[in-house]
Amino acid sequence: TAINSYFLYSDDQGNNHAVWLLDAISFWNS
């Protein structure tokens, strides 16, 4: 839907994170 890349991970304390990326291809699509 967003046409963007992302990844999910949990840190050592158990906190969840979502990292969204805007690379050149994603920018071009937007």
PDB file of all heavy atoms in Angstrom:
ATOM      1  N   THR A   1       0.831  -1.202   0.000  1.00  0.00           N
ATOM      2  CA  THR A   1       0.000   0.000   0.000  1.00  0.00           C
ATOM      3  C   THR A   1       0.866   1.254   0.000  1.00  0.00           C
ATOM      4  O   THR A   1       0.667   2.162  -0.792  1.00  0.00           O
ATOM      5  CB  THR A   1      -0.937   0.018   1.223  1.00  0.00           C
ATOM      6  OG1 THR A   1      -1.741  -1.158   1.192  1.00  0.00           O
ATOM      7  CG2 THR A   1      -1.838   1.238   1.208  1.00  0.00           C
ATOM      8  N   ALA A   2       1.840   1.299   0.899  1.00  0.00           N
ATOM      9  CA  ALA A   2       2.703   2.474   1.016  1.00  0.00           C
ATOM     10  C   ALA A   2       3.811   2.482  -0.040  1.00  0.00           C
ATOM     11  O   ALA A   2       4.413   3.523  -0.288  1.00  0.00           O
ATOM     12  CB  ALA A   2       3.330   2.519   2.406  1.00  0.00           C
ATOM     13  N   ILE A   3       4.068   1.334  -0.647  1.00  0.00           N
ATOM     14  CA  ILE A   3       5.152   1.162  -1.617  1.00  0.00           C
ATOM     15  C   ILE A   3       6.486   1.582  -1.011  1.00  0.00           C
ATOM     16  O   ILE A   3       7.318   2.221  -1.639  1.00  0.00           O
ATOM     17  CB  ILE A   3       4.880   1.907  -2.942  1.00  0.00           C
ATOM     18  CG1 ILE A   3       3.452   1.707  -3.421  1.00  0.00           C
ATOM     19  CG2 ILE A   3       5.837   1.428  -4.027  1.00  0.00           C
ATOM     20  CD1 ILE A   3       3.084   2.567  -4.610  1.00  0.00           C
ATOM     21  N   ASN A   4       6.694   1.228   0.240  1.00  0.00           N
ATOM     22  CA  ASN A   4       7.943   1.495   0.940  1.00  0.00           C
ATOM     23  C   ASN A   4       8.424   0.223   1.605  1.00  0.00           C
ATOM     24  O   ASN A   4       7.630  -0.628   1.988  1.00  0.00           O
ATOM     25  CB  ASN A   4       7.769   2.572   2.005  1.00  0.00           C
ATOM     26  CG  ASN A   4       7.780   3.965   1.442  1.00  0.00           C
ATOM     27  OD1 ASN A   4       8.204   4.199   0.328  1.00  0.00           O
ATOM     28  ND2 ASN A   4       7.319   4.911   2.232  1.00  0.00           N
ATOM     29  N   SER A   5       9.723   0.133   1.765  1.00  0.00           N
ATOM     30  CA  SER A   5      10.318  -1.010   2.435  1.00  0.00           C
ATOM     31  C   SER A   5      10.390  -0.755   3.934  1.00  0.00           C
ATOM     32  O   SER A   5      10.463   0.394   4.380  1.00  0.00           O
ATOM     33  CB  SER A   5      11.721  -1.264   1.894  1.00  0.00           C
ATOM     34  OG  SER A   5      11.671  -1.510   0.514  1.00  0.00           O
ATOM     35  N   TYR A   6      10.387  -1.842   4.688  1.00  0.00           N
ATOM     36  CA  TYR A   6      10.473  -1.745   6.144  1.00  0.00           C
ATOM     37  C   TYR A   6      10.980  -3.060   6.705  1.00  0.00           C
ATOM     38  O   TYR A   6      11.040  -4.065   6.003  1.00  0.00           O
ATOM     39  CB  TYR A   6       9.103  -1.422   6.750  1.00  0.00           C
ATOM     40  CG  TYR A   6       8.129  -2.573   6.644  1.00  0.00           C
ATOM     41  CD1 TYR A   6       7.953  -3.456   7.707  1.00  0.00           C
ATOM     42  CD2 TYR A   6       7.412  -2.803   5.478  1.00  0.00           C
ATOM     43  CE1 TYR A   6       7.076  -4.534   7.603  1.00  0.00           C
ATOM     44  CE2 TYR A   6       6.538  -3.863   5.370  1.00  0.00           C
ATOM     45  CZ  TYR A   6       6.375  -4.719   6.429  1.00  0.00           C
ATOM     46  OH  TYR A   6       5.519  -5.790   6.335  1.00  0.00           O
ATOM     47  N   PHE A   7      11.377  -3.013   7.978  1.00  0.00           N
ATOM     48  CA  PHE A   7      11.652  -4.248   8.695  1.00  0.00           C
ATOM     49  C   PHE A   7      11.255  -4.086  10.149  1.00  0.00           C
ATOM     50  O   PHE A   7      11.163  -2.965  10.655  1.00  0.00           O
ATOM     51  CB  PHE A   7      13.110  -4.719   8.543  1.00  0.00           C
ATOM     52  CG  PHE A   7      14.153  -3.793   9.101  1.00  0.00           C
ATOM     53  CD1 PHE A   7      14.608  -3.915  10.408  1.00  0.00           C
ATOM     54  CD2 PHE A   7      14.729  -2.826   8.294  1.00  0.00           C
ATOM     55  CE1 PHE A   7      15.599  -3.089  10.905  1.00  0.00           C
ATOM     56  CE2 PHE A   7      15.719  -1.987   8.778  1.00  0.00           C
ATOM     57  CZ  PHE A   7      16.160  -2.123  10.089  1.00  0.00           C
ATOM     58  N   LEU A   8      10.985  -5.205  10.774  1.00  0.00           N
ATOM     59  CA  LEU A   8      10.551  -5.245  12.168  1.00  0.00           C
ATOM     60  C   LEU A   8      11.568  -6.029  12.974  1.00  0.00           C
ATOM     61  O   LEU A   8      12.147  -6.997  12.479  1.00  0.00           O
ATOM     62  CB  LEU A   8       9.182  -5.932  12.278  1.00  0.00           C
ATOM     63  CG  LEU A   8       8.065  -5.390  11.395  1.00  0.00           C
ATOM     64  CD1 LEU A   8       6.847  -6.313  11.477  1.00  0.00           C
ATOM     65  CD2 LEU A   8       7.707  -3.982  11.800  1.00  0.00           C
ATOM     66  N   TYR A   9      11.786  -5.602  14.216  1.00  0.00           N
ATOM     67  CA  TYR A   9      12.655  -6.368  15.098  1.00  0.00           C
ATOM     68  C   TYR A   9      12.357  -6.014  16.550  1.00  0.00           C
ATOM     69  O   TYR A   9      11.716  -5.005  16.833  1.00  0.00           O
ATOM     70  CB  TYR A   9      14.133  -6.128  14.782  1.00  0.00           C
ATOM     71  CG  TYR A   9      14.684  -4.782  15.215  1.00  0.00           C
ATOM     72  CD1 TYR A   9      15.392  -4.663  16.412  1.00  0.00           C
ATOM     73  CD2 TYR A   9      14.501  -3.648  14.447  1.00  0.00           C
ATOM     74  CE1 TYR A   9      15.901  -3.441  16.817  1.00  0.00           C
ATOM     75  CE2 TYR A   9      15.008  -2.423  14.830  1.00  0.00           C
ATOM     76  CZ  TYR A   9      15.712  -2.320  16.020  1.00  0.00           C
ATOM     77  OH  TYR A   9      16.213  -1.112  16.422  1.00  0.00           O
ATOM     78  N   SER A  10      12.809  -6.863  17.440  1.00  0.00           N
ATOM     79  CA  SER A  10      12.706  -6.630  18.882  1.00  0.00           C
ATOM     80  C   SER A  10      14.115  -6.459  19.424  1.00  0.00           C
ATOM     81  O   SER A  10      15.020  -7.231  19.078  1.00  0.00           O
ATOM     82  CB  SER A  10      12.025  -7.803  19.583  1.00  0.00           C
ATOM     83  OG  SER A  10      10.696  -7.950  19.137  1.00  0.00           O
ATOM     84  N   ASP A  11      14.308  -5.459  20.301  1.00  0.00           N
ATOM     85  CA  ASP A  11      15.635  -5.230  20.875  1.00  0.00           C
ATOM     86  C   ASP A  11      15.867  -6.141  22.085  1.00  0.00           C
ATOM     87  O   ASP A  11      15.011  -6.966  22.429  1.00  0.00           O
ATOM     88  CB  ASP A  11      15.847  -3.753  21.217  1.00  0.00           C
ATOM     89  CG  ASP A  11      14.894  -3.216  22.269  1.00  0.00           C
ATOM     90  OD1 ASP A  11      14.352  -4.007  23.073  1.00  0.00           O
ATOM     91  OD2 ASP A  11      14.686  -1.990  22.303  1.00  0.00           O
ATOM     92  N   ASP A  12      17.016  -5.994  22.726  1.00  0.00           N
ATOM     93  CA  ASP A  12      17.381  -6.851  23.850  1.00  0.00           C
ATOM     94  C   ASP A  12      16.445  -6.707  25.044  1.00  0.00           C
ATOM     95  O   ASP A  12      16.350  -7.612  25.872  1.00  0.00           O
ATOM     96  CB  ASP A  12      18.813  -6.555  24.302  1.00  0.00           C
ATOM     97  CG  ASP A  12      19.840  -6.922  23.242  1.00  0.00           C
ATOM     98  OD1 ASP A  12      19.534  -7.784  22.391  1.00  0.00           O
ATOM     99  OD2 ASP A  12      20.943  -6.342  23.266  1.00  0.00           O
ATOM    100  N   GLN A  13      15.753  -5.562  25.167  1.00  0.00           N
ATOM    101  CA  GLN A  13      14.810  -5.337  26.261  1.00  0.00           C
ATOM    102  C   GLN A  13      13.392  -5.791  25.911  1.00  0.00           C
ATOM    103  O   GLN A  13      12.466  -5.614  26.684  1.00  0.00           O
ATOM    104  CB  GLN A  13      14.790  -3.854  26.667  1.00  0.00           C
ATOM    105  CG  GLN A  13      16.061  -3.363  27.344  1.00  0.00           C
ATOM    106  CD  GLN A  13      17.200  -3.137  26.359  1.00  0.00           C
ATOM    107  OE1 GLN A  13      16.981  -2.691  25.244  1.00  0.00           O
ATOM    108  NE2 GLN A  13      18.405  -3.465  26.769  1.00  0.00           N
ATOM    109  N   GLY A  14      13.217  -6.340  24.719  1.00  0.00           N
ATOM    110  CA  GLY A  14      11.905  -6.813  24.292  1.00  0.00           C
ATOM    111  C   GLY A  14      11.025  -5.749  23.670  1.00  0.00           C
ATOM    112  O   GLY A  14       9.839  -5.986  23.430  1.00  0.00           O
ATOM    113  N   ASN A  15      11.596  -4.572  23.384  1.00  0.00           N
ATOM    114  CA  ASN A  15      10.833  -3.509  22.721  1.00  0.00           C
ATOM    115  C   ASN A  15      10.762  -3.782  21.228  1.00  0.00           C
ATOM    116  O   ASN A  15      11.774  -4.109  20.595  1.00  0.00           O
ATOM    117  CB  ASN A  15      11.488  -2.143  22.964  1.00  0.00           C
ATOM    118  CG  ASN A  15      11.541  -1.790  24.427  1.00  0.00           C
ATOM    119  OD1 ASN A  15      10.539  -1.873  25.132  1.00  0.00           O
ATOM    120  ND2 ASN A  15      12.718  -1.426  24.901  1.00  0.00           N
ATOM    121  N   ASN A  16       9.570  -3.637  20.668  1.00  0.00           N
ATOM    122  CA  ASN A  16       9.368  -3.857  19.233  1.00  0.00           C
ATOM    123  C   ASN A  16       9.653  -2.574  18.461  1.00  0.00           C
ATOM    124  O   ASN A  16       9.305  -1.481  18.910  1.00  0.00           O
ATOM    125  CB  ASN A  16       7.949  -4.328  18.952  1.00  0.00           C
ATOM    126  CG  ASN A  16       7.679  -5.680  19.562  1.00  0.00           C
ATOM    127  OD1 ASN A  16       8.553  -6.540  19.580  1.00  0.00           O
ATOM    128  ND2 ASN A  16       6.486  -5.880  20.074  1.00  0.00           N
ATOM    129  N   HIS A  17      10.262  -2.725  17.303  1.00  0.00           N
ATOM    130  CA  HIS A  17      10.602  -1.583  16.454  1.00  0.00           C
ATOM    131  C   HIS A  17      10.172  -1.868  15.029  1.00  0.00           C
ATOM    132  O   HIS A  17      10.262  -2.998  14.553  1.00  0.00           O
ATOM    133  CB  HIS A  17      12.111  -1.326  16.462  1.00  0.00           C
ATOM    134  CG  HIS A  17      12.661  -1.003  17.809  1.00  0.00           C
ATOM    135  ND1 HIS A  17      12.695   0.266  18.317  1.00  0.00           N
ATOM    136  CD2 HIS A  17      13.181  -1.816  18.771  1.00  0.00           C
ATOM    137  CE1 HIS A  17      13.220   0.234  19.522  1.00  0.00           C
ATOM    138  NE2 HIS A  17      13.529  -1.024  19.828  1.00  0.00           N
ATOM    139  N   ALA A  18       9.727  -0.826  14.344  1.00  0.00           N
ATOM    140  CA  ALA A  18       9.441  -0.873  12.912  1.00  0.00           C
ATOM    141  C   ALA A  18      10.303   0.211  12.265  1.00  0.00           C
ATOM    142  O   ALA A  18      10.235   1.378  12.650  1.00  0.00           O
ATOM    143  CB  ALA A  18       7.973  -0.605  12.639  1.00  0.00           C
ATOM    144  N   VAL A  19      11.136  -0.188  11.326  1.00  0.00           N
ATOM    145  CA  VAL A  19      12.012   0.746  10.630  1.00  0.00           C
ATOM    146  C   VAL A  19      11.521   0.853   9.191  1.00  0.00           C
ATOM    147  O   VAL A  19      11.498  -0.131   8.458  1.00  0.00           O
ATOM    148  CB  VAL A  19      13.484   0.263  10.668  1.00  0.00           C
ATOM    149  CG1 VAL A  19      14.378   1.216   9.900  1.00  0.00           C
ATOM    150  CG2 VAL A  19      13.960   0.096  12.106  1.00  0.00           C
ATOM    151  N   TRP A  20      11.095   2.055   8.809  1.00  0.00           N
ATOM    152  CA  TRP A  20      10.617   2.301   7.447  1.00  0.00           C
ATOM    153  C   TRP A  20      11.730   2.952   6.654  1.00  0.00           C
ATOM    154  O   TRP A  20      12.446   3.819   7.149  1.00  0.00           O
ATOM    155  CB  TRP A  20       9.389   3.211   7.481  1.00  0.00           C
ATOM    156  CG  TRP A  20       8.183   2.478   7.960  1.00  0.00           C
ATOM    157  CD1 TRP A  20       7.801   2.298   9.264  1.00  0.00           C
ATOM    158  CD2 TRP A  20       7.233   1.802   7.161  1.00  0.00           C
ATOM    159  NE1 TRP A  20       6.664   1.545   9.306  1.00  0.00           N
ATOM    160  CE2 TRP A  20       6.283   1.228   8.036  1.00  0.00           C
ATOM    161  CE3 TRP A  20       7.079   1.614   5.797  1.00  0.00           C
ATOM    162  CZ2 TRP A  20       5.198   0.492   7.577  1.00  0.00           C
ATOM    163  CZ3 TRP A  20       5.998   0.892   5.335  1.00  0.00           C
ATOM    164  CH2 TRP A  20       5.073   0.336   6.235  1.00  0.00           C
ATOM    165  N   LEU A  21      11.869   2.551   5.400  1.00  0.00           N
ATOM    166  CA  LEU A  21      12.954   3.017   4.542  1.00  0.00           C
ATOM    167  C   LEU A  21      12.384   3.756   3.338  1.00  0.00           C
ATOM    168  O   LEU A  21      11.347   3.384   2.809  1.00  0.00           O
ATOM    169  CB  LEU A  21      13.758   1.819   4.031  1.00  0.00           C
ATOM    170  CG  LEU A  21      14.206   0.834   5.100  1.00  0.00           C
ATOM    171  CD1 LEU A  21      14.659  -0.454   4.459  1.00  0.00           C
ATOM    172  CD2 LEU A  21      15.316   1.441   5.914  1.00  0.00           C
ATOM    173  N   LEU A  22      13.100   4.765   2.929  1.00  0.00           N
ATOM    174  CA  LEU A  22      12.746   5.442   1.683  1.00  0.00           C
ATOM    175  C   LEU A  22      13.989   5.425   0.811  1.00  0.00           C
ATOM    176  O   LEU A  22      14.817   6.319   0.857  1.00  0.00           O
ATOM    177  CB  LEU A  22      12.264   6.870   1.935  1.00  0.00           C
ATOM    178  CG  LEU A  22      11.785   7.633   0.703  1.00  0.00           C
ATOM    179  CD1 LEU A  22      10.587   6.921   0.074  1.00  0.00           C
ATOM    180  CD2 LEU A  22      11.425   9.049   1.051  1.00  0.00           C
ATOM    181  N   ASP A  23      14.127   4.370   0.043  1.00  0.00           N
ATOM    182  CA  ASP A  23      15.254   4.276  -0.874  1.00  0.00           C
ATOM    183  C   ASP A  23      14.876   4.962  -2.183  1.00  0.00           C
ATOM    184  O   ASP A  23      13.779   5.503  -2.332  1.00  0.00           O
ATOM    185  CB  ASP A  23      15.678   2.824  -1.078  1.00  0.00           C
ATOM    186  CG  ASP A  23      14.560   1.946  -1.636  1.00  0.00           C
ATOM    187  OD1 ASP A  23      13.504   2.475  -2.028  1.00  0.00           O
ATOM    188  OD2 ASP A  23      14.750   0.725  -1.677  1.00  0.00           O
ATOM    189  N   ALA A  24      15.778   4.956  -3.127  1.00  0.00           N
ATOM    190  CA  ALA A  24      15.544   5.660  -4.393  1.00  0.00           C
ATOM    191  C   ALA A  24      14.335   5.116  -5.141  1.00  0.00           C
ATOM    192  O   ALA A  24      13.534   5.884  -5.680  1.00  0.00           O
ATOM    193  CB  ALA A  24      16.789   5.586  -5.269  1.00  0.00           C
ATOM    194  N   ILE A  25      14.179   3.805  -5.163  1.00  0.00           N
ATOM    195  CA  ILE A  25      13.038   3.207  -5.867  1.00  0.00           C
ATOM    196  C   ILE A  25      11.730   3.586  -5.191  1.00  0.00           C
ATOM    197  O   ILE A  25      10.753   3.951  -5.859  1.00  0.00           O
ATOM    198  CB  ILE A  25      13.177   1.666  -5.926  1.00  0.00           C
ATOM    199  CG1 ILE A  25      14.444   1.282  -6.687  1.00  0.00           C
ATOM    200  CG2 ILE A  25      11.944   1.032  -6.540  1.00  0.00           C
ATOM    201  CD1 ILE A  25      14.480   1.708  -8.132  1.00  0.00           C
ATOM    202  N   SER A  26      11.690   3.526  -3.864  1.00  0.00           N
ATOM    203  CA  SER A  26      10.477   3.900  -3.131  1.00  0.00           C
ATOM    204  C   SER A  26      10.136   5.370  -3.353  1.00  0.00           C
ATOM    205  O   SER A  26       8.982   5.728  -3.538  1.00  0.00           O
ATOM    206  CB  SER A  26      10.641   3.632  -1.627  1.00  0.00           C
ATOM    207  OG  SER A  26      10.857   2.267  -1.395  1.00  0.00           O
ATOM    208  N   PHE A  27      11.163   6.228  -3.343  1.00  0.00           N
ATOM    209  CA  PHE A  27      10.925   7.643  -3.606  1.00  0.00           C
ATOM    210  C   PHE A  27      10.348   7.835  -5.000  1.00  0.00           C
ATOM    211  O   PHE A  27       9.393   8.578  -5.196  1.00  0.00           O
ATOM    212  CB  PHE A  27      12.199   8.468  -3.450  1.00  0.00           C
ATOM    213  CG  PHE A  27      12.004   9.890  -3.896  1.00  0.00           C
ATOM    214  CD1 PHE A  27      11.340  10.786  -3.088  1.00  0.00           C
ATOM    215  CD2 PHE A  27      12.437  10.301  -5.145  1.00  0.00           C
ATOM    216  CE1 PHE A  27      11.118  12.097  -3.510  1.00  0.00           C
ATOM    217  CE2 PHE A  27      12.221  11.594  -5.571  1.00  0.00           C
ATOM    218  CZ  PHE A  27      11.567  12.492  -4.754  1.00  0.00           C
ATOM    219  N   TRP A  28      10.922   7.153  -5.990  1.00  0.00           N
ATOM    220  CA  TRP A  28      10.444   7.284  -7.366  1.00  0.00           C
ATOM    221  C   TRP A  28       8.988   6.843  -7.488  1.00  0.00           C
ATOM    222  O   TRP A  28       8.191   7.505  -8.143  1.00  0.00           O
ATOM    223  CB  TRP A  28      11.334   6.503  -8.315  1.00  0.00           C
ATOM    224  CG  TRP A  28      10.883   6.599  -9.745  1.00  0.00           C
ATOM    225  CD1 TRP A  28      10.384   5.616 -10.519  1.00  0.00           C
ATOM    226  CD2 TRP A  28      10.865   7.777 -10.558  1.00  0.00           C
ATOM    227  NE1 TRP A  28      10.055   6.088 -11.777  1.00  0.00           N
ATOM    228  CE2 TRP A  28      10.347   7.419 -11.816  1.00  0.00           C
ATOM    229  CE3 TRP A  28      11.243   9.098 -10.335  1.00  0.00           C
ATOM    230  CZ2 TRP A  28      10.205   8.332 -12.851  1.00  0.00           C
ATOM    231  CZ3 TRP A  28      11.086  10.006 -11.377  1.00  0.00           C
ATOM    232  CH2 TRP A  28      10.576   9.630 -12.605  1.00  0.00           C
ATOM    233  N   ASN A  29       8.643   5.738  -6.836  1.00  0.00           N
ATOM    234  CA  ASN A  29       7.249   5.278  -6.863  1.00  0.00           C
ATOM    235  C   ASN A  29       6.322   6.306  -6.227  1.00  0.00           C
ATOM    236  O   ASN A  29       5.241   6.589  -6.749  1.00  0.00           O
ATOM    237  CB  ASN A  29       7.116   3.929  -6.160  1.00  0.00           C
ATOM    238  CG  ASN A  29       7.739   2.807  -6.957  1.00  0.00           C
ATOM    239  OD1 ASN A  29       7.834   2.874  -8.173  1.00  0.00           O
ATOM    240  ND2 ASN A  29       8.168   1.781  -6.259  1.00  0.00           N
ATOM    241  N   SER A  30       6.735   6.878  -5.105  1.00  0.00           N
ATOM    242  CA  SER A  30       5.924   7.917  -4.460  1.00  0.00           C
ATOM    243  C   SER A  30       5.811   9.140  -5.350  1.00  0.00           C
ATOM    244  O   SER A  30       4.740   9.727  -5.488  1.00  0.00           O
ATOM    245  CB  SER A  30       6.527   8.303  -3.101  1.00  0.00           C
ATOM    246  OG  SER A  30       6.506   7.216  -2.231  1.00  0.00           O
TER     247      SER A  30
END
